[in-house]
Amino acid sequence: MKIKKSSYEGLQKDVRNLKTPEIEVWENKYSDKNYTIILDVPEFTSICPKTGLPAFATIRIEYSPDKYCVELKSFKMYTIFYRDIGIFHEHLANKILEDLVKAAAPRWAKIISEFNPRGGIKTTVIREYKK
């Protein structure tokens, strides 16, 4: 079977090296306990790398902290960074989760990114991480 390349080819070749703002953390004084933190970003925006049009989403991150918790103001600034970034929905979910894991090293984490419909299609990307 021959795979036809799309006109999107090459638009995201360096996405894994995208320099994003630092997600700060603080020391978890209850690291001996198992609990879940949920971060909801109901007004997330990024840009379609093909059309330059905005993409709107609700991003939900669920994680169980170990030694560190995510500092919320830095996380807010991190999410705002994407407002001017052209990135595919699938790459976005992976990048956010990888950056969060790198910063906070949680026991486990999950991201659910639900993008508003465009052209009659709603995209939801889910990724999970476990130590």
C-alpha atoms as a PDB file:
ATOM      1  CA  MET A   1       0.000   0.000   0.000  1.00  0.00           C
ATOM      2  CA  LYS A   2       1.372   3.369  -0.977  1.00  0.00           C
ATOM      3  CA  ILE A   3       0.928   6.139   1.577  1.00  0.00           C
ATOM      4  CA  LYS A   4       0.172   9.523   0.110  1.00  0.00           C
ATOM      5  CA  LYS A   5       1.943  12.348   1.910  1.00  0.00           C
ATOM      6  CA  SER A   6      -0.182  15.319   2.798  1.00  0.00           C
ATOM      7  CA  SER A   7       0.544  18.964   2.246  1.00  0.00           C
ATOM      8  CA  TYR A   8       1.205  19.138   6.017  1.00  0.00           C
ATOM      9  CA  GLU A   9       4.501  17.276   5.530  1.00  0.00           C
ATOM     10  CA  GLY A  10       7.387  19.008   7.301  1.00  0.00           C
ATOM     11  CA  LEU A  11       5.301  21.556   9.214  1.00  0.00           C
ATOM     12  CA  GLN A  12       6.041  19.902  12.568  1.00  0.00           C
ATOM     13  CA  LYS A  13       9.488  18.374  12.050  1.00  0.00           C
ATOM     14  CA  ASP A  14      11.016  20.124  15.094  1.00  0.00           C
ATOM     15  CA  VAL A  15       7.986  19.973  17.411  1.00  0.00           C
ATOM     16  CA  ARG A  16       9.771  17.765  19.961  1.00  0.00           C
ATOM     17  CA  ASN A  17      12.444  20.462  20.333  1.00  0.00           C
ATOM     18  CA  LEU A  18       9.952  23.324  20.714  1.00  0.00           C
ATOM     19  CA  LYS A  19      11.309  25.640  23.416  1.00  0.00           C
ATOM     20  CA  THR A  20       8.451  26.180  25.855  1.00  0.00           C
ATOM     21  CA  PRO A  21       8.299  28.209  29.078  1.00  0.00           C
ATOM     22  CA  GLU A  22       9.407  26.402  32.218  1.00  0.00           C
ATOM     23  CA  ILE A  23       6.749  24.709  34.330  1.00  0.00           C
ATOM     24  CA  GLU A  24       7.731  25.451  37.915  1.00  0.00           C
ATOM     25  CA  VAL A  25       7.075  23.069  40.792  1.00  0.00           C
ATOM     26  CA  TRP A  26       6.958  23.172  44.573  1.00  0.00           C
ATOM     27  CA  GLU A  27       7.748  20.505  47.167  1.00  0.00           C
ATOM     28  CA  ASN A  28       4.866  18.192  48.029  1.00  0.00           C
ATOM     29  CA  LYS A  29       4.706  17.749  51.821  1.00  0.00           C
ATOM     30  CA  TYR A  30       2.247  14.855  51.351  1.00  0.00           C
ATOM     31  CA  SER A  31       4.376  12.767  49.010  1.00  0.00           C
ATOM     32  CA  ASP A  32       3.654   9.711  51.159  1.00  0.00           C
ATOM     33  CA  LYS A  33      -0.039   9.928  50.141  1.00  0.00           C
ATOM     34  CA  ASN A  34      -1.670   8.902  46.890  1.00  0.00           C
ATOM     35  CA  TYR A  35      -3.993  11.620  45.617  1.00  0.00           C
ATOM     36  CA  THR A  36      -4.995  13.173  42.322  1.00  0.00           C
ATOM     37  CA  ILE A  37      -4.723  16.753  41.130  1.00  0.00           C
ATOM     38  CA  ILE A  38      -6.816  17.896  38.173  1.00  0.00           C
ATOM     39  CA  LEU A  39      -5.906  20.959  36.121  1.00  0.00           C
ATOM     40  CA  ASP A  40      -8.602  22.178  33.717  1.00  0.00           C
ATOM     41  CA  VAL A  41      -7.861  24.771  31.052  1.00  0.00           C
ATOM     42  CA  PRO A  42     -11.289  25.499  29.514  1.00  0.00           C
ATOM     43  CA  GLU A  43     -10.153  28.342  27.214  1.00  0.00           C
ATOM     44  CA  PHE A  44      -7.013  26.901  25.631  1.00  0.00           C
ATOM     45  CA  THR A  45      -6.011  28.220  22.213  1.00  0.00           C
ATOM     46  CA  SER A  46      -3.342  27.371  19.689  1.00  0.00           C
ATOM     47  CA  ILE A  47      -2.958  27.847  15.938  1.00  0.00           C
ATOM     48  CA  CYS A  48      -3.519  25.433  13.080  1.00  0.00           C
ATOM     49  CA  PRO A  49      -0.095  25.043  11.434  1.00  0.00           C
ATOM     50  CA  LYS A  50      -1.680  24.742   7.995  1.00  0.00           C
ATOM     51  CA  THR A  51      -4.281  27.517   7.936  1.00  0.00           C
ATOM     52  CA  GLY A  52      -3.073  29.861  10.664  1.00  0.00           C
ATOM     53  CA  LEU A  53      -6.581  29.847  12.148  1.00  0.00           C
ATOM     54  CA  PRO A  54      -7.098  29.507  15.909  1.00  0.00           C
ATOM     55  CA  ALA A  55      -7.919  26.167  17.482  1.00  0.00           C
ATOM     56  CA  PHE A  56      -9.948  26.203  20.695  1.00  0.00           C
ATOM     57  CA  ALA A  57      -9.823  23.421  23.265  1.00  0.00           C
ATOM     58  CA  THR A  58     -10.422  22.295  26.797  1.00  0.00           C
ATOM     59  CA  ILE A  59      -7.310  20.703  28.237  1.00  0.00           C
ATOM     60  CA  ARG A  60      -7.602  18.464  31.302  1.00  0.00           C
ATOM     61  CA  ILE A  61      -4.559  17.149  33.102  1.00  0.00           C
ATOM     62  CA  GLU A  62      -4.916  14.611  35.874  1.00  0.00           C
ATOM     63  CA  TYR A  63      -1.842  13.593  37.839  1.00  0.00           C
ATOM     64  CA  SER A  64      -0.717  12.019  41.088  1.00  0.00           C
ATOM     65  CA  PRO A  65       2.148  14.043  42.514  1.00  0.00           C
ATOM     66  CA  ASP A  66       5.207  12.420  43.990  1.00  0.00           C
ATOM     67  CA  LYS A  67       7.855  14.809  45.347  1.00  0.00           C
ATOM     68  CA  TYR A  68       6.588  17.877  43.463  1.00  0.00           C
ATOM     69  CA  CYS A  69       3.370  19.640  42.491  1.00  0.00           C
ATOM     70  CA  VAL A  70       2.889  21.915  39.492  1.00  0.00           C
ATOM     71  CA  GLU A  71       2.928  25.622  40.336  1.00  0.00           C
ATOM     72  CA  LEU A  72      -0.231  27.035  38.785  1.00  0.00           C
ATOM     73  CA  LYS A  73       0.871  30.509  37.668  1.00  0.00           C
ATOM     74  CA  SER A  74       3.798  29.077  35.711  1.00  0.00           C
ATOM     75  CA  PHE A  75       1.464  26.472  34.220  1.00  0.00           C
ATOM     76  CA  LYS A  76      -0.921  29.235  33.163  1.00  0.00           C
ATOM     77  CA  MET A  77       1.941  31.093  31.459  1.00  0.00           C
ATOM     78  CA  TYR A  78       3.001  27.816  29.854  1.00  0.00           C
ATOM     79  CA  THR A  79      -0.466  27.317  28.327  1.00  0.00           C
ATOM     80  CA  ILE A  80      -0.676  30.947  27.135  1.00  0.00           C
ATOM     81  CA  PHE A  81       2.564  30.382  25.186  1.00  0.00           C
ATOM     82  CA  TYR A  82       0.676  28.169  22.715  1.00  0.00           C
ATOM     83  CA  ARG A  83      -1.702  30.965  21.609  1.00  0.00           C
ATOM     84  CA  ASP A  84       0.712  31.932  18.834  1.00  0.00           C
ATOM     85  CA  ILE A  85       2.129  28.486  18.072  1.00  0.00           C
ATOM     86  CA  GLY A  86       1.134  26.430  15.052  1.00  0.00           C
ATOM     87  CA  ILE A  87       0.875  22.862  16.341  1.00  0.00           C
ATOM     88  CA  PHE A  88      -1.164  19.772  15.509  1.00  0.00           C
ATOM     89  CA  HIS A  89      -3.604  18.633  18.192  1.00  0.00           C
ATOM     90  CA  GLU A  90      -1.834  15.291  18.549  1.00  0.00           C
ATOM     91  CA  HIS A  91       1.569  16.900  18.974  1.00  0.00           C
ATOM     92  CA  LEU A  92       0.203  19.381  21.479  1.00  0.00           C
ATOM     93  CA  ALA A  93      -1.125  16.700  23.830  1.00  0.00           C
ATOM     94  CA  ASN A  94       2.149  14.808  23.695  1.00  0.00           C
ATOM     95  CA  LYS A  95       4.283  17.933  24.208  1.00  0.00           C
ATOM     96  CA  ILE A  96       2.289  19.190  27.198  1.00  0.00           C
ATOM     97  CA  LEU A  97       2.397  15.826  28.934  1.00  0.00           C
ATOM     98  CA  GLU A  98       6.121  15.386  28.283  1.00  0.00           C
ATOM     99  CA  ASP A  99       6.880  18.870  29.652  1.00  0.00           C
ATOM    100  CA  LEU A 100       4.753  18.262  32.758  1.00  0.00           C
ATOM    101  CA  VAL A 101       6.430  14.901  33.427  1.00  0.00           C
ATOM    102  CA  LYS A 102       9.872  16.438  32.946  1.00  0.00           C
ATOM    103  CA  ALA A 103       9.091  19.227  35.432  1.00  0.00           C
ATOM    104  CA  ALA A 104       7.172  17.405  38.177  1.00  0.00           C
ATOM    105  CA  ALA A 105       7.959  13.662  37.775  1.00  0.00           C
ATOM    106  CA  PRO A 106       4.492  12.549  38.903  1.00  0.00           C
ATOM    107  CA  ARG A 107       3.595   8.960  39.798  1.00  0.00           C
ATOM    108  CA  TRP A 108       1.218   8.970  36.834  1.00  0.00           C
ATOM    109  CA  ALA A 109      -0.412  11.555  34.610  1.00  0.00           C
ATOM    110  CA  LYS A 110      -3.069  11.780  31.935  1.00  0.00           C
ATOM    111  CA  ILE A 111      -3.957  14.516  29.474  1.00  0.00           C
ATOM    112  CA  ILE A 112      -7.285  14.833  27.709  1.00  0.00           C
ATOM    113  CA  SER A 113      -7.338  17.536  25.064  1.00  0.00           C
ATOM    114  CA  GLU A 114     -10.755  18.173  23.533  1.00  0.00           C
ATOM    115  CA  PHE A 115     -10.666  20.508  20.549  1.00  0.00           C
ATOM    116  CA  ASN A 116     -13.798  22.288  19.402  1.00  0.00           C
ATOM    117  CA  PRO A 117     -15.256  21.036  16.124  1.00  0.00           C
ATOM    118  CA  ARG A 118     -13.788  22.387  12.931  1.00  0.00           C
ATOM    119  CA  GLY A 119     -15.350  21.378   9.647  1.00  0.00           C
ATOM    120  CA  GLY A 120     -17.720  19.084  11.528  1.00  0.00           C
ATOM    121  CA  ILE A 121     -14.956  17.083  13.239  1.00  0.00           C
ATOM    122  CA  LYS A 122     -14.182  17.224  16.960  1.00  0.00           C
ATOM    123  CA  THR A 123     -10.728  16.003  17.939  1.00  0.00           C
ATOM    124  CA  THR A 124      -9.952  14.497  21.339  1.00  0.00           C
ATOM    125  CA  VAL A 125      -6.403  13.358  22.104  1.00  0.00           C
ATOM    126  CA  ILE A 126      -5.674  11.335  25.258  1.00  0.00           C
ATOM    127  CA  ARG A 127      -2.266  10.286  26.482  1.00  0.00           C
ATOM    128  CA  GLU A 128      -1.217   8.638  29.719  1.00  0.00           C
ATOM    129  CA  TYR A 129       2.073   8.327  31.588  1.00  0.00           C
ATOM    130  CA  LYS A 130       3.038   5.987  34.405  1.00  0.00           C
ATOM    131  CA  LYS A 131       6.406   5.640  36.135  1.00  0.00           C
END
